[in-house]
Amino acid sequence: MSRSLTLLLAATCALAVASVYFSQPLLESMAASLGVATARIGLVVGATQAGYALGLLLVVPLGDLFDRKRLILSQLLLSALALLAVGMAMDWALLLVAMSMLGLMAVLVQVVVAHAATLATPAEQGRAVGTVTSGVVLGILLARLVAGVTADLAGWRSVYFAAAGLTVLMACLLWQTLPSAKPVTASVSYLQLLASVLRMYRHDRLLRQRGAFALLIFAAFSVMWSAMVLPLSAAPLALTHTQIGLFGLAGIAGALAASGAGRLADQGHGQRTTGLALALLTLAWIPSGLLEHSLLALVLGVLLLDFAVQAVHVTNQTLLLTGRGEMASRLIGAYMCCYSVGSGLGAVAASWVYARWGWLAVCGLGAGFSALAWGYWLYLRLRGE
């Protein structure tokens, strides 16, 4: 794993995950363009996460069965087609189907993370996962800013057309530079592979614990980023797409936390990092609740939230993958399925809660998810796990 290859894989993850998050600052424009009520627009994120969850179960495990390079290239090309379909959708139902397909293909992020963990030496595995995951964080943050600027200049559909072109370009770069890797479980059938993923939930205690953390922290994450655009774009603030996208830059600390958390996990501090990050995640909702009075307070809340979520996320993956490279794809797929369920749940619940009770109720919802995750961590510590 050379430095240049690690950075290229990080860039691949950034582009792939950005395709999932482009919609968040554009929800209001999508709703207006297609004549959809505000209370229902959260289904765009929910449909994407539903496709993502399906891909985690059905597509990601293929990385333990086939050459991951070919799998990554195939997913990139299919992602480009899905992006074009989203940009051309003129009907609400067709948009949801296209977003589901986009989510289905976006799971190439997990295939890339598993590939990076397999290529890296055991002593550098946490750092490699952290660096590649930093690309995921940057993709999430830049997606909002780039989508906002592009939508203000040429409309929300242009965001997806441009992303399709970049995805094809990335596929060409990886075709030239990415090494192949023979799968360890090539003799196993696809159905046996899927069955082994389901068995993991039953027999792997660490997967269940870290999966529960993923579900709760990404539910909180999605509550913030799915609902925040609604009060910011409405009166009296009435911010533009570009201005809303700039809030994503406040979460740049999350990218720094990603690689740092991987190094701490390599050094045996994964549990302590998890507890501290979950405490910060719960506290992040206090300044976030002041959105209607202070945008600086919201910036602080976003910074704390992104820092905490990504620190826990990288720690989770590093702990799960340590010493288990032969099942890396299945572990990541099973873990990220919990992430996807949490993200979809948070997005749908947040738009519904905001439409009925407003921003403070949304912050209460996010704080509830965060506190539940922290409480679960304390429970495990008391039990010595």
Protein backbone atom coordinates (compact mmCIF):
# COMPACT_ATOMS: atom_id res chain seq x y z
CA MET A 1 0.00 0.00 0.00
CA SER A 2 1.94 3.00 -1.30
CA ARG A 3 0.93 6.48 -0.22
CA SER A 4 -0.28 7.37 -3.71
CA LEU A 5 -2.45 4.25 -3.95
CA THR A 6 -3.93 4.91 -0.52
CA LEU A 7 -4.84 8.45 -1.54
CA LEU A 8 -6.35 7.24 -4.82
CA LEU A 9 -8.53 4.77 -2.94
CA ALA A 10 -9.51 7.57 -0.55
CA ALA A 11 -10.51 9.71 -3.54
CA THR A 12 -12.56 6.81 -4.93
CA CYS A 13 -14.42 6.52 -1.63
CA ALA A 14 -14.95 10.28 -1.55
CA LEU A 15 -16.60 10.25 -4.97
CA ALA A 16 -18.69 7.17 -4.23
CA VAL A 17 -20.04 8.41 -0.91
CA ALA A 18 -20.62 11.89 -2.31
CA SER A 19 -23.15 10.41 -4.72
CA VAL A 20 -25.19 9.31 -1.70
CA TYR A 21 -25.05 12.68 0.06
CA PHE A 22 -25.52 15.03 -2.90
CA SER A 23 -29.26 15.01 -2.26
CA GLN A 24 -29.20 16.40 1.30
CA PRO A 25 -28.69 20.12 0.47
CA LEU A 26 -30.95 19.68 -2.58
CA LEU A 27 -34.01 18.19 -0.89
CA GLU A 28 -35.95 21.45 -0.97
CA SER A 29 -35.24 21.94 -4.69
CA MET A 30 -36.15 18.34 -5.50
CA ALA A 31 -39.42 18.72 -3.62
CA ALA A 32 -40.31 21.92 -5.47
CA SER A 33 -39.28 20.51 -8.86
CA LEU A 34 -41.38 17.35 -8.51
CA GLY A 35 -44.24 18.78 -6.44
CA VAL A 36 -43.57 16.69 -3.32
CA ALA A 37 -44.62 17.67 0.22
CA THR A 38 -41.86 18.51 2.72
CA ALA A 39 -42.90 15.70 5.05
CA ARG A 40 -42.23 13.14 2.27
CA ILE A 41 -38.96 14.44 0.83
CA GLY A 42 -36.95 12.50 3.44
CA LEU A 43 -37.91 9.39 1.44
CA VAL A 44 -35.21 10.37 -1.08
CA VAL A 45 -32.56 9.68 1.55
CA GLY A 46 -34.50 6.70 2.84
CA ALA A 47 -34.68 5.13 -0.64
CA THR A 48 -30.95 5.64 -1.13
CA GLN A 49 -30.17 4.01 2.19
CA ALA A 50 -32.55 1.13 1.42
CA GLY A 51 -30.60 0.42 -1.76
CA TYR A 52 -27.38 0.80 0.20
CA ALA A 53 -28.52 -1.74 2.79
CA LEU A 54 -29.45 -4.22 0.06
CA GLY A 55 -26.06 -3.73 -1.57
CA LEU A 56 -24.28 -4.35 1.70
CA LEU A 57 -25.99 -7.71 2.03
CA LEU A 58 -25.87 -8.84 -1.61
CA VAL A 59 -22.94 -7.05 -3.28
CA VAL A 60 -20.20 -6.34 -0.72
CA PRO A 61 -19.70 -10.04 0.26
CA LEU A 62 -18.72 -10.69 -3.38
CA GLY A 63 -15.38 -9.08 -2.51
CA ASP A 64 -14.49 -12.28 -0.65
CA LEU A 65 -15.47 -14.40 -3.67
CA PHE A 66 -14.20 -12.50 -6.73
CA ASP A 67 -11.32 -10.21 -7.65
CA ARG A 68 -12.10 -6.94 -5.85
CA LYS A 69 -10.57 -4.86 -8.63
CA ARG A 70 -13.09 -6.11 -11.17
CA LEU A 71 -15.89 -5.67 -8.65
CA ILE A 72 -14.87 -2.07 -7.93
CA LEU A 73 -14.65 -1.17 -11.63
CA SER A 74 -18.04 -2.73 -12.36
CA GLN A 75 -19.65 -0.82 -9.51
CA LEU A 76 -18.17 2.47 -10.69
CA LEU A 77 -19.59 2.06 -14.19
CA LEU A 78 -23.02 1.05 -12.88
CA SER A 79 -22.92 4.01 -10.48
CA ALA A 80 -22.39 6.32 -13.46
CA LEU A 81 -25.55 4.93 -15.08
CA ALA A 82 -27.52 5.38 -11.84
CA LEU A 83 -26.34 9.00 -11.55
CA LEU A 84 -27.55 9.68 -15.09
CA ALA A 85 -30.92 8.13 -14.22
CA VAL A 86 -31.31 10.40 -11.18
CA GLY A 87 -30.49 13.47 -13.26
CA MET A 88 -33.08 12.56 -15.91
CA ALA A 89 -35.89 11.50 -13.51
CA MET A 90 -39.07 13.51 -14.13
CA ASP A 91 -41.36 11.53 -11.85
CA TRP A 92 -41.31 11.07 -8.06
CA ALA A 93 -41.48 7.26 -8.24
CA LEU A 94 -38.75 7.09 -10.87
CA LEU A 95 -36.52 9.33 -8.77
CA LEU A 96 -36.90 7.01 -5.78
CA VAL A 97 -36.06 3.95 -7.91
CA ALA A 98 -32.99 5.68 -9.37
CA MET A 99 -31.83 6.77 -5.91
CA SER A 100 -32.22 3.20 -4.69
CA MET A 101 -30.01 1.96 -7.52
CA LEU A 102 -27.49 4.67 -6.72
CA GLY A 103 -27.37 3.48 -3.11
CA LEU A 104 -27.03 -0.13 -4.27
CA MET A 105 -23.88 0.69 -6.25
CA ALA A 106 -22.41 3.10 -3.68
CA VAL A 107 -21.42 0.15 -1.49
CA LEU A 108 -18.21 0.04 -3.51
CA VAL A 109 -16.91 2.17 -0.62
CA GLN A 110 -16.96 -0.91 1.61
CA VAL A 111 -15.31 -3.05 -1.06
CA VAL A 112 -12.54 -0.43 -1.32
CA VAL A 113 -12.08 -0.28 2.47
CA ALA A 114 -11.85 -4.08 2.67
CA HIS A 115 -9.37 -4.11 -0.23
CA ALA A 116 -7.21 -1.47 1.48
CA ALA A 117 -7.24 -3.43 4.74
CA THR A 118 -6.17 -6.58 2.87
CA LEU A 119 -3.34 -4.87 0.96
CA ALA A 120 -1.92 -3.15 4.06
CA THR A 121 0.44 -4.84 6.51
CA PRO A 122 -1.06 -5.74 9.93
CA ALA A 123 0.87 -2.93 11.66
CA GLU A 124 -0.46 -0.33 9.20
CA GLN A 125 -4.00 -1.63 8.81
CA GLY A 126 -5.61 0.92 11.13
CA ARG A 127 -3.80 3.80 9.46
CA ALA A 128 -4.76 2.58 5.98
CA VAL A 129 -8.42 2.19 6.97
CA GLY A 130 -8.33 5.60 8.65
CA THR A 131 -6.84 7.32 5.60
CA VAL A 132 -9.32 5.73 3.20
CA THR A 133 -12.16 6.57 5.57
CA SER A 134 -10.90 10.17 5.64
CA GLY A 135 -11.78 10.19 1.96
CA VAL A 136 -15.29 9.09 2.90
CA VAL A 137 -15.57 12.02 5.33
CA LEU A 138 -14.27 14.51 2.79
CA GLY A 139 -16.68 13.13 0.21
CA ILE A 140 -19.61 13.66 2.56
CA LEU A 141 -18.53 17.21 3.39
CA LEU A 142 -17.59 18.28 -0.13
CA ALA A 143 -20.73 16.68 -1.55
CA ARG A 144 -22.87 19.25 0.22
CA LEU A 145 -20.73 22.19 -0.81
CA VAL A 146 -20.22 21.10 -4.43
CA ALA A 147 -23.87 20.13 -4.81
CA GLY A 148 -24.95 23.49 -3.40
CA VAL A 149 -22.71 25.55 -5.67
CA THR A 150 -23.52 23.51 -8.79
CA ALA A 151 -27.26 23.60 -8.09
CA ASP A 152 -27.20 27.38 -7.69
CA LEU A 153 -25.39 27.72 -11.02
CA ALA A 154 -27.13 25.11 -13.18
CA GLY A 155 -29.90 23.38 -11.20
CA TRP A 156 -29.94 20.24 -9.07
CA ARG A 157 -29.96 17.83 -12.00
CA SER A 158 -26.58 19.11 -13.23
CA VAL A 159 -25.01 17.80 -10.01
CA TYR A 160 -25.75 14.22 -10.99
CA PHE A 161 -24.71 14.62 -14.62
CA ALA A 162 -21.31 16.00 -13.57
CA ALA A 163 -20.86 13.23 -11.01
CA ALA A 164 -21.53 10.60 -13.67
CA GLY A 165 -18.67 11.94 -15.79
CA LEU A 166 -16.26 12.00 -12.84
CA THR A 167 -17.20 8.43 -11.93
CA VAL A 168 -16.28 7.16 -15.40
CA LEU A 169 -12.97 9.02 -15.16
CA MET A 170 -12.20 7.41 -11.78
CA ALA A 171 -12.93 3.97 -13.23
CA CYS A 172 -10.32 4.60 -15.93
CA LEU A 173 -7.69 5.63 -13.35
CA LEU A 174 -8.28 2.57 -11.18
CA TRP A 175 -8.20 0.27 -14.18
CA GLN A 176 -4.63 1.45 -14.79
CA THR A 177 -3.30 1.54 -11.20
CA LEU A 178 -5.24 -0.72 -8.82
CA PRO A 179 -3.64 -4.13 -8.12
CA SER A 180 -5.75 -7.25 -8.16
CA ALA A 181 -6.03 -9.64 -5.22
CA LYS A 182 -7.05 -13.27 -5.30
CA PRO A 183 -9.97 -14.01 -2.93
CA VAL A 184 -9.30 -16.43 -0.07
CA THR A 185 -12.78 -17.97 -0.19
CA ALA A 186 -13.02 -18.53 -3.94
CA SER A 187 -14.26 -22.11 -3.50
CA VAL A 188 -17.35 -21.02 -1.54
CA SER A 189 -20.63 -20.59 -3.42
CA TYR A 190 -22.49 -17.27 -3.43
CA LEU A 191 -25.38 -18.63 -1.37
CA GLN A 192 -22.95 -20.04 1.20
CA LEU A 193 -21.25 -16.67 1.31
CA LEU A 194 -24.54 -14.88 2.02
CA ALA A 195 -25.45 -17.44 4.66
CA SER A 196 -22.12 -16.86 6.38
CA VAL A 197 -22.92 -13.12 6.62
CA LEU A 198 -26.18 -13.87 8.42
CA ARG A 199 -24.37 -16.28 10.76
CA MET A 200 -21.98 -13.51 11.69
CA TYR A 201 -24.76 -11.56 13.38
CA ARG A 202 -25.51 -14.58 15.53
CA HIS A 203 -22.02 -15.70 16.46
CA ASP A 204 -19.85 -12.56 16.35
CA ARG A 205 -20.38 -10.55 19.55
CA LEU A 206 -18.03 -7.76 18.47
CA LEU A 207 -19.98 -7.32 15.23
CA ARG A 208 -23.25 -7.02 17.13
CA GLN A 209 -21.81 -4.46 19.52
CA ARG A 210 -20.12 -2.32 16.89
CA GLY A 211 -23.12 -2.69 14.58
CA ALA A 212 -25.36 -1.27 17.32
CA PHE A 213 -23.04 1.71 17.68
CA ALA A 214 -23.11 2.23 13.90
CA LEU A 215 -26.90 2.16 13.76
CA LEU A 216 -27.29 4.74 16.54
CA ILE A 217 -24.53 7.17 15.59
CA PHE A 218 -25.53 7.29 11.93
CA ALA A 219 -29.18 7.72 12.86
CA ALA A 220 -28.06 10.82 14.80
CA PHE A 221 -25.82 11.90 11.91
CA SER A 222 -28.65 11.59 9.41
CA VAL A 223 -31.08 13.44 11.68
CA MET A 224 -28.77 16.45 11.63
CA TRP A 225 -27.87 16.53 7.95
CA SER A 226 -31.26 15.56 6.54
CA ALA A 227 -33.27 18.09 8.55
CA MET A 228 -30.79 20.98 8.83
CA VAL A 229 -31.41 22.15 5.27
CA LEU A 230 -35.11 22.75 6.04
CA PRO A 231 -34.81 25.59 8.61
CA LEU A 232 -31.75 27.03 6.88
CA SER A 233 -33.51 27.36 3.52
CA ALA A 234 -36.78 28.67 5.01
CA ALA A 235 -37.54 32.21 6.23
CA PRO A 236 -36.16 34.11 8.05
CA LEU A 237 -32.71 32.66 7.20
CA ALA A 238 -33.48 31.69 3.57
CA LEU A 239 -29.90 30.62 2.79
CA THR A 240 -28.87 29.55 -0.72
CA HIS A 241 -27.69 26.05 -1.63
CA THR A 242 -24.10 27.31 -1.64
CA GLN A 243 -24.40 28.86 1.81
CA ILE A 244 -25.95 25.68 3.23
CA GLY A 245 -23.22 23.61 1.62
CA LEU A 246 -20.57 25.69 3.41
CA PHE A 247 -21.74 24.22 6.71
CA GLY A 248 -20.22 20.97 5.58
CA LEU A 249 -16.77 22.52 5.90
CA ALA A 250 -17.36 22.86 9.64
CA GLY A 251 -17.16 19.09 9.83
CA ILE A 252 -13.63 18.94 8.40
CA ALA A 253 -12.47 17.89 11.87
CA GLY A 254 -14.21 14.60 11.18
CA ALA A 255 -11.67 13.85 8.47
CA LEU A 256 -8.85 14.50 10.91
CA ALA A 257 -10.48 12.31 13.53
CA ALA A 258 -10.81 9.43 11.06
CA SER A 259 -7.09 8.73 10.63
CA GLY A 260 -6.32 9.62 14.25
CA ALA A 261 -8.89 7.16 15.57
CA GLY A 262 -7.40 4.40 13.42
CA ARG A 263 -3.96 4.95 14.95
CA LEU A 264 -5.43 4.95 18.47
CA ALA A 265 -7.20 1.67 17.74
CA ASP A 266 -3.92 0.19 16.49
CA GLN A 267 -2.42 1.16 19.87
CA GLY A 268 -5.19 -0.54 21.86
CA HIS A 269 -7.24 2.54 22.79
CA GLY A 270 -10.37 1.72 20.79
CA GLN A 271 -12.74 1.46 23.75
CA ARG A 272 -11.61 4.75 25.30
CA THR A 273 -11.88 6.54 21.95
CA THR A 274 -15.42 5.22 21.50
CA GLY A 275 -16.59 6.44 24.91
CA LEU A 276 -15.14 9.93 24.54
CA ALA A 277 -16.53 10.33 21.03
CA LEU A 278 -20.02 9.24 22.07
CA ALA A 279 -20.00 11.74 24.94
CA LEU A 280 -19.09 14.52 22.47
CA LEU A 281 -21.81 13.34 20.11
CA THR A 282 -24.44 13.70 22.82
CA LEU A 283 -23.20 17.18 23.81
CA ALA A 284 -23.16 18.32 20.16
CA TRP A 285 -26.94 18.71 20.17
CA ILE A 286 -26.87 21.52 22.76
CA PRO A 287 -25.33 24.18 20.48
CA SER A 288 -27.15 22.69 17.47
CA GLY A 289 -30.48 23.49 19.13
CA LEU A 290 -29.60 27.21 18.95
CA LEU A 291 -29.74 27.28 15.13
CA GLU A 292 -32.56 29.83 15.02
CA HIS A 293 -30.58 32.19 17.27
CA SER A 294 -26.94 31.66 16.23
CA LEU A 295 -25.42 30.11 13.11
CA LEU A 296 -22.04 29.98 14.91
CA ALA A 297 -23.60 27.70 17.52
CA LEU A 298 -24.78 25.41 14.72
CA VAL A 299 -21.25 25.38 13.27
CA LEU A 300 -19.94 24.20 16.65
CA GLY A 301 -22.61 21.51 16.84
CA VAL A 302 -21.81 20.24 13.33
CA LEU A 303 -18.08 20.18 14.10
CA LEU A 304 -18.58 18.12 17.26
CA LEU A 305 -21.05 15.77 15.60
CA ASP A 306 -18.86 15.00 12.55
CA PHE A 307 -15.77 14.57 14.72
CA ALA A 308 -17.52 12.14 17.05
CA VAL A 309 -19.31 10.09 14.40
CA GLN A 310 -16.23 9.53 12.26
CA ALA A 311 -14.02 8.71 15.26
CA VAL A 312 -16.42 5.95 16.32
CA HIS A 313 -16.87 4.77 12.73
CA VAL A 314 -13.15 4.31 12.06
CA THR A 315 -12.61 2.68 15.45
CA ASN A 316 -15.45 0.25 14.74
CA GLN A 317 -14.00 -0.83 11.40
CA THR A 318 -10.44 -1.12 12.67
CA LEU A 319 -11.45 -3.32 15.60
CA LEU A 320 -13.61 -5.53 13.38
CA LEU A 321 -10.97 -6.06 10.68
CA THR A 322 -7.92 -6.67 12.87
CA GLY A 323 -6.57 -10.14 12.10
CA ARG A 324 -9.58 -11.13 9.97
CA GLY A 325 -8.60 -10.13 6.41
CA GLU A 326 -10.02 -13.33 4.89
CA MET A 327 -13.54 -12.19 5.74
CA ALA A 328 -13.01 -8.44 5.44
CA SER A 329 -15.72 -7.81 2.82
CA ARG A 330 -18.36 -9.76 4.72
CA LEU A 331 -17.51 -8.07 8.02
CA ILE A 332 -17.66 -4.62 6.48
CA GLY A 333 -20.89 -5.44 4.66
CA ALA A 334 -22.57 -6.77 7.78
CA TYR A 335 -21.38 -3.81 9.84
CA MET A 336 -22.37 -1.19 7.26
CA CYS A 337 -25.83 -2.69 6.94
CA CYS A 338 -26.40 -1.44 10.48
CA TYR A 339 -25.07 1.96 9.38
CA SER A 340 -27.49 2.06 6.47
CA VAL A 341 -30.50 1.15 8.61
CA GLY A 342 -29.59 3.92 11.03
CA SER A 343 -29.10 6.50 8.28
CA GLY A 344 -32.41 5.72 6.62
CA LEU A 345 -34.27 5.69 9.91
CA GLY A 346 -32.77 9.02 10.95
CA ALA A 347 -33.58 10.73 7.63
CA VAL A 348 -37.21 9.64 7.48
CA ALA A 349 -37.84 10.37 11.17
CA ALA A 350 -36.14 13.78 11.02
CA SER A 351 -38.23 15.16 8.14
CA TRP A 352 -41.41 13.84 9.76
CA VAL A 353 -40.56 15.32 13.18
CA TYR A 354 -39.53 18.68 11.69
CA ALA A 355 -42.78 19.01 9.72
CA ARG A 356 -44.79 18.58 12.93
CA TRP A 357 -42.78 20.06 15.78
CA GLY A 358 -39.84 22.02 14.35
CA TRP A 359 -36.09 22.13 14.78
CA LEU A 360 -35.89 21.74 18.57
CA ALA A 361 -37.79 18.48 18.36
CA VAL A 362 -35.34 17.29 15.69
CA CYS A 363 -32.45 18.07 18.05
CA GLY A 364 -34.21 16.13 20.78
CA LEU A 365 -34.51 13.16 18.44
CA GLY A 366 -30.81 13.31 17.55
CA ALA A 367 -29.80 13.70 21.18
CA GLY A 368 -31.89 10.66 22.06
CA PHE A 369 -30.07 8.47 19.52
CA SER A 370 -26.70 9.80 20.74
CA ALA A 371 -27.45 9.31 24.44
CA LEU A 372 -28.68 5.78 23.77
CA ALA A 373 -25.36 4.93 22.08
CA TRP A 374 -23.37 6.40 24.98
CA GLY A 375 -25.51 4.54 27.49
CA TYR A 376 -24.90 1.28 25.64
CA TRP A 377 -21.14 1.91 25.75
CA LEU A 378 -21.32 2.49 29.52
CA TYR A 379 -23.33 -0.71 29.93
CA LEU A 380 -20.71 -2.72 28.05
CA ARG A 381 -17.90 -1.20 30.10
CA LEU A 382 -19.67 -2.09 33.34
CA ARG A 383 -19.91 -5.67 32.09
CA GLY A 384 -16.21 -5.65 31.22
CA GLU A 385 -16.76 -6.00 27.46
